N, C-alpha and C. Protein backbone atom coordinates (compact mmCIF):
# COMPACT_ATOMS: atom_id res chain seq x y z
N MET A 1 99.98 67.42 4.87
CA MET A 1 99.53 67.77 6.21
C MET A 1 98.30 66.93 6.55
N SER A 2 98.31 66.29 7.69
CA SER A 2 97.18 65.47 8.10
C SER A 2 96.10 66.32 8.74
N ASP A 3 94.89 65.75 8.86
CA ASP A 3 93.76 66.47 9.44
C ASP A 3 93.96 66.77 10.92
N ASN A 4 94.78 65.98 11.61
CA ASN A 4 94.98 66.15 13.04
C ASN A 4 96.10 67.13 13.38
N GLU A 5 96.84 67.57 12.39
CA GLU A 5 97.95 68.48 12.63
C GLU A 5 97.43 69.87 12.96
N ARG A 6 97.96 70.46 14.01
CA ARG A 6 97.51 71.79 14.45
C ARG A 6 98.16 72.85 13.58
N VAL A 7 97.34 73.73 13.07
CA VAL A 7 97.81 74.86 12.29
C VAL A 7 97.90 76.07 13.22
N PRO A 8 98.99 76.82 13.18
CA PRO A 8 99.11 77.98 14.06
C PRO A 8 98.01 79.01 13.79
N GLY A 9 97.56 79.64 14.86
CA GLY A 9 96.54 80.68 14.74
C GLY A 9 95.46 80.51 15.78
N ASN A 10 94.56 81.49 15.82
CA ASN A 10 93.47 81.50 16.79
C ASN A 10 92.14 81.65 16.07
N THR A 11 91.11 81.14 16.68
CA THR A 11 89.74 81.37 16.21
C THR A 11 89.04 82.18 17.29
N THR A 12 88.43 83.28 16.88
CA THR A 12 87.72 84.14 17.81
C THR A 12 86.25 84.18 17.42
N VAL A 13 85.38 83.99 18.40
CA VAL A 13 83.94 84.07 18.17
C VAL A 13 83.45 85.34 18.85
N ALA A 14 82.84 86.22 18.07
CA ALA A 14 82.33 87.48 18.61
C ALA A 14 81.18 87.20 19.58
N PRO A 15 81.10 87.96 20.67
CA PRO A 15 79.99 87.79 21.61
C PRO A 15 78.62 87.91 20.94
N GLU A 16 78.53 88.74 19.90
CA GLU A 16 77.26 88.89 19.19
C GLU A 16 76.81 87.59 18.53
N VAL A 17 77.77 86.78 18.12
CA VAL A 17 77.43 85.47 17.54
C VAL A 17 76.81 84.59 18.60
N LEU A 18 77.39 84.58 19.79
CA LEU A 18 76.83 83.79 20.89
C LEU A 18 75.44 84.30 21.27
N GLU A 19 75.28 85.62 21.29
CA GLU A 19 73.95 86.18 21.60
C GLU A 19 72.93 85.73 20.58
N THR A 20 73.30 85.73 19.30
CA THR A 20 72.39 85.30 18.24
C THR A 20 72.01 83.83 18.42
N ILE A 21 72.97 83.00 18.71
CA ILE A 21 72.71 81.57 18.92
C ILE A 21 71.74 81.38 20.09
N ILE A 22 71.97 82.10 21.18
CA ILE A 22 71.10 82.00 22.35
C ILE A 22 69.70 82.51 22.02
N GLU A 23 69.62 83.64 21.34
CA GLU A 23 68.31 84.21 20.98
C GLU A 23 67.53 83.26 20.07
N MET A 24 68.21 82.64 19.11
CA MET A 24 67.54 81.68 18.23
C MET A 24 67.03 80.48 19.02
N THR A 25 67.83 80.02 19.97
CA THR A 25 67.42 78.89 20.81
C THR A 25 66.21 79.26 21.65
N VAL A 26 66.21 80.47 22.21
CA VAL A 26 65.06 80.93 22.99
C VAL A 26 63.81 80.95 22.13
N ASN A 27 63.93 81.50 20.93
CA ASN A 27 62.76 81.62 20.04
C ASN A 27 62.22 80.27 19.59
N GLU A 28 63.06 79.23 19.61
CA GLU A 28 62.63 77.88 19.19
C GLU A 28 62.10 77.05 20.36
N THR A 29 62.14 77.58 21.56
CA THR A 29 61.75 76.81 22.73
C THR A 29 60.27 77.03 23.03
N GLN A 30 59.53 75.93 23.00
CA GLN A 30 58.09 76.00 23.27
C GLN A 30 57.84 76.45 24.70
N GLY A 31 56.93 77.40 24.85
CA GLY A 31 56.60 77.95 26.16
C GLY A 31 57.21 79.32 26.38
N VAL A 32 58.25 79.64 25.59
CA VAL A 32 58.85 80.97 25.68
C VAL A 32 58.15 81.86 24.66
N SER A 33 57.63 82.97 25.12
CA SER A 33 56.95 83.90 24.24
C SER A 33 57.97 84.75 23.47
N ARG A 34 58.99 85.24 24.21
CA ARG A 34 59.98 86.11 23.56
C ARG A 34 61.12 86.42 24.52
N ILE A 35 62.18 86.99 23.94
CA ILE A 35 63.29 87.52 24.73
C ILE A 35 62.81 88.83 25.35
N TYR A 36 63.15 89.04 26.60
CA TYR A 36 62.77 90.28 27.27
C TYR A 36 63.81 91.35 26.93
N SER A 37 63.33 92.51 26.58
CA SER A 37 64.26 93.63 26.40
C SER A 37 63.63 94.86 27.03
N SER A 38 64.47 95.61 27.71
CA SER A 38 64.00 96.83 28.35
C SER A 38 64.53 98.02 27.57
N ASN A 39 64.11 99.19 27.96
CA ASN A 39 64.60 100.41 27.30
C ASN A 39 66.09 100.62 27.54
N ASN A 40 66.62 100.05 28.62
CA ASN A 40 68.02 100.26 28.98
C ASN A 40 68.96 99.24 28.34
N ALA A 41 68.43 98.18 27.75
CA ALA A 41 69.29 97.12 27.22
C ALA A 41 68.92 96.81 25.78
N ASN A 42 69.94 96.48 25.00
CA ASN A 42 69.71 96.12 23.61
C ASN A 42 69.20 94.70 23.49
N SER A 43 69.65 93.82 24.34
CA SER A 43 69.32 92.42 24.22
C SER A 43 68.96 91.86 25.59
N GLY A 44 68.20 90.80 25.58
CA GLY A 44 67.85 90.10 26.80
C GLY A 44 68.87 89.04 27.16
N VAL A 45 70.07 89.13 26.57
CA VAL A 45 71.13 88.17 26.85
C VAL A 45 72.36 88.95 27.32
N LYS A 46 72.87 88.58 28.48
CA LYS A 46 74.10 89.17 29.01
C LYS A 46 75.14 88.06 29.13
N LEU A 47 76.29 88.29 28.52
CA LEU A 47 77.33 87.26 28.48
C LEU A 47 78.55 87.66 29.29
N LYS A 48 79.19 86.65 29.84
CA LYS A 48 80.52 86.79 30.43
C LYS A 48 81.32 85.59 29.94
N ILE A 49 82.40 85.85 29.24
CA ILE A 49 83.23 84.78 28.69
C ILE A 49 84.60 84.86 29.36
N THR A 50 84.98 83.78 30.02
CA THR A 50 86.25 83.72 30.71
C THR A 50 86.95 82.42 30.35
N ASP A 51 88.14 82.54 29.78
CA ASP A 51 88.95 81.36 29.41
C ASP A 51 88.16 80.37 28.56
N GLY A 52 87.40 80.87 27.62
CA GLY A 52 86.65 80.01 26.71
C GLY A 52 85.39 79.40 27.29
N ILE A 53 85.00 79.84 28.48
CA ILE A 53 83.79 79.33 29.13
C ILE A 53 82.72 80.43 29.07
N VAL A 54 81.55 80.07 28.58
CA VAL A 54 80.45 81.02 28.42
C VAL A 54 79.53 80.95 29.64
N ASN A 55 79.29 82.10 30.23
CA ASN A 55 78.29 82.25 31.28
C ASN A 55 77.28 83.26 30.77
N ALA A 56 76.00 82.94 30.90
CA ALA A 56 74.98 83.82 30.34
C ALA A 56 73.82 84.02 31.30
N ASP A 57 73.30 85.23 31.27
CA ASP A 57 72.03 85.55 31.91
C ASP A 57 71.06 85.81 30.78
N ILE A 58 69.96 85.05 30.78
CA ILE A 58 68.98 85.12 29.69
C ILE A 58 67.65 85.58 30.28
N TYR A 59 67.16 86.70 29.78
CA TYR A 59 65.93 87.32 30.28
C TYR A 59 64.80 87.03 29.30
N ILE A 60 63.73 86.40 29.79
CA ILE A 60 62.67 85.94 28.89
C ILE A 60 61.29 86.30 29.42
N VAL A 61 60.33 86.21 28.50
CA VAL A 61 58.91 86.32 28.82
C VAL A 61 58.29 84.99 28.40
N LEU A 62 57.54 84.38 29.30
CA LEU A 62 56.95 83.07 29.04
C LEU A 62 55.47 83.20 28.67
N ASP A 63 54.98 82.16 27.98
CA ASP A 63 53.54 82.04 27.77
C ASP A 63 52.90 81.76 29.13
N ALA A 64 51.75 82.33 29.36
CA ALA A 64 51.11 82.23 30.68
C ALA A 64 50.71 80.81 31.05
N ASP A 65 50.44 79.98 30.05
CA ASP A 65 49.92 78.64 30.34
C ASP A 65 51.00 77.55 30.37
N CYS A 66 52.27 77.93 30.49
CA CYS A 66 53.34 76.93 30.49
C CYS A 66 53.77 76.60 31.91
N ASN A 67 54.49 75.50 32.04
CA ASN A 67 55.10 75.13 33.31
C ASN A 67 56.47 75.82 33.37
N THR A 68 56.59 76.81 34.21
CA THR A 68 57.78 77.66 34.25
C THR A 68 59.07 76.87 34.46
N ILE A 69 59.09 76.00 35.44
CA ILE A 69 60.31 75.24 35.74
C ILE A 69 60.70 74.34 34.57
N GLU A 70 59.75 73.64 33.99
CA GLU A 70 60.05 72.75 32.87
C GLU A 70 60.59 73.53 31.67
N VAL A 71 59.97 74.64 31.35
CA VAL A 71 60.41 75.44 30.21
C VAL A 71 61.82 75.98 30.45
N CYS A 72 62.10 76.46 31.63
CA CYS A 72 63.43 77.00 31.93
C CYS A 72 64.50 75.93 31.89
N LYS A 73 64.20 74.75 32.42
CA LYS A 73 65.16 73.64 32.36
C LYS A 73 65.42 73.22 30.91
N LYS A 74 64.35 73.16 30.12
CA LYS A 74 64.48 72.81 28.71
C LYS A 74 65.34 73.85 27.98
N LEU A 75 65.11 75.12 28.28
CA LEU A 75 65.87 76.19 27.65
C LEU A 75 67.35 76.11 28.04
N GLN A 76 67.64 75.81 29.29
CA GLN A 76 69.03 75.65 29.71
C GLN A 76 69.71 74.51 28.95
N LYS A 77 69.03 73.38 28.83
CA LYS A 77 69.60 72.22 28.12
C LYS A 77 69.84 72.52 26.65
N LYS A 78 68.84 73.13 26.00
CA LYS A 78 68.96 73.44 24.58
C LYS A 78 70.05 74.48 24.32
N THR A 79 70.16 75.47 25.19
CA THR A 79 71.18 76.50 25.02
C THR A 79 72.57 75.93 25.26
N ASN A 80 72.71 75.11 26.27
CA ASN A 80 73.98 74.44 26.55
C ASN A 80 74.43 73.63 25.33
N ARG A 81 73.53 72.84 24.79
CA ARG A 81 73.84 72.00 23.62
C ARG A 81 74.19 72.86 22.41
N ALA A 82 73.45 73.94 22.18
CA ALA A 82 73.70 74.79 21.02
C ALA A 82 75.08 75.43 21.09
N ILE A 83 75.46 75.95 22.25
CA ILE A 83 76.77 76.59 22.39
C ILE A 83 77.88 75.57 22.18
N LYS A 84 77.74 74.40 22.78
CA LYS A 84 78.77 73.36 22.64
C LYS A 84 78.85 72.84 21.21
N ASP A 85 77.70 72.56 20.59
CA ASP A 85 77.69 71.95 19.25
C ASP A 85 78.05 72.93 18.14
N ILE A 86 77.54 74.15 18.22
CA ILE A 86 77.74 75.10 17.13
C ILE A 86 79.10 75.79 17.22
N VAL A 87 79.48 76.19 18.44
CA VAL A 87 80.70 76.98 18.60
C VAL A 87 81.85 76.16 19.19
N GLY A 88 81.51 75.13 19.94
CA GLY A 88 82.56 74.30 20.55
C GLY A 88 83.15 74.88 21.82
N MET A 89 82.45 75.83 22.42
CA MET A 89 82.93 76.43 23.66
C MET A 89 82.28 75.73 24.85
N GLY A 90 82.94 75.82 25.99
CA GLY A 90 82.38 75.28 27.21
C GLY A 90 81.33 76.22 27.80
N VAL A 91 80.47 75.65 28.61
CA VAL A 91 79.41 76.44 29.24
C VAL A 91 79.57 76.34 30.75
N GLY A 92 79.58 77.50 31.39
CA GLY A 92 79.65 77.55 32.86
C GLY A 92 78.25 77.55 33.43
N SER A 93 77.63 78.72 33.49
CA SER A 93 76.28 78.81 34.02
C SER A 93 75.37 79.50 33.01
N LEU A 94 74.13 79.04 32.99
CA LEU A 94 73.08 79.63 32.16
C LEU A 94 71.94 79.99 33.10
N ASN A 95 71.87 81.25 33.47
CA ASN A 95 70.85 81.72 34.40
C ASN A 95 69.65 82.25 33.62
N ILE A 96 68.50 81.67 33.88
CA ILE A 96 67.27 82.07 33.19
C ILE A 96 66.48 82.99 34.13
N HIS A 97 66.14 84.17 33.62
CA HIS A 97 65.39 85.15 34.40
C HIS A 97 64.03 85.34 33.74
N VAL A 98 62.96 84.91 34.40
CA VAL A 98 61.61 85.10 33.88
C VAL A 98 61.17 86.49 34.31
N GLU A 99 61.00 87.37 33.34
CA GLU A 99 60.68 88.77 33.62
C GLU A 99 59.18 89.06 33.57
N ASP A 100 58.44 88.21 32.85
CA ASP A 100 57.01 88.47 32.71
C ASP A 100 56.35 87.26 32.05
N PHE A 101 55.02 87.31 31.99
CA PHE A 101 54.23 86.31 31.28
C PHE A 101 53.36 87.02 30.26
N ASP A 102 53.18 86.41 29.10
CA ASP A 102 52.25 86.92 28.10
C ASP A 102 50.95 86.14 28.22
N TYR A 103 49.87 86.86 28.44
CA TYR A 103 48.55 86.25 28.56
C TYR A 103 47.81 86.42 27.25
N PRO A 104 47.01 85.43 26.85
CA PRO A 104 46.24 85.57 25.62
C PRO A 104 45.23 86.72 25.76
N GLU A 105 45.01 87.39 24.67
CA GLU A 105 44.05 88.51 24.70
C GLU A 105 42.63 87.97 24.82
N MET A 106 41.85 88.65 25.65
CA MET A 106 40.45 88.27 25.83
C MET A 106 39.61 89.11 24.89
N ASN A 107 38.78 88.48 24.08
CA ASN A 107 37.91 89.21 23.14
C ASN A 107 36.52 89.33 23.68
């Protein structure tokens, strides 16, 4: 059997795996303080997967001294690349929602 021959069967990626990949990408992005989570939600990532295309709403808290637009664009690019490279799925939309800013504590 050659490497290019298709073997019957399906590969399924659990939504939790995609959430973990997105959360790790968020945590590695400079300017992002953390994933936002409220009392009503378990995660700051909401996914919709249709026909192998990932659409995500990502809720974050930024560092107060960052450039919001630059950080969000960087996060979109990094998340897009991570989903495509790690899982091999297509990406539809990645909506970044800035929920708050973390300010340094004043002593």
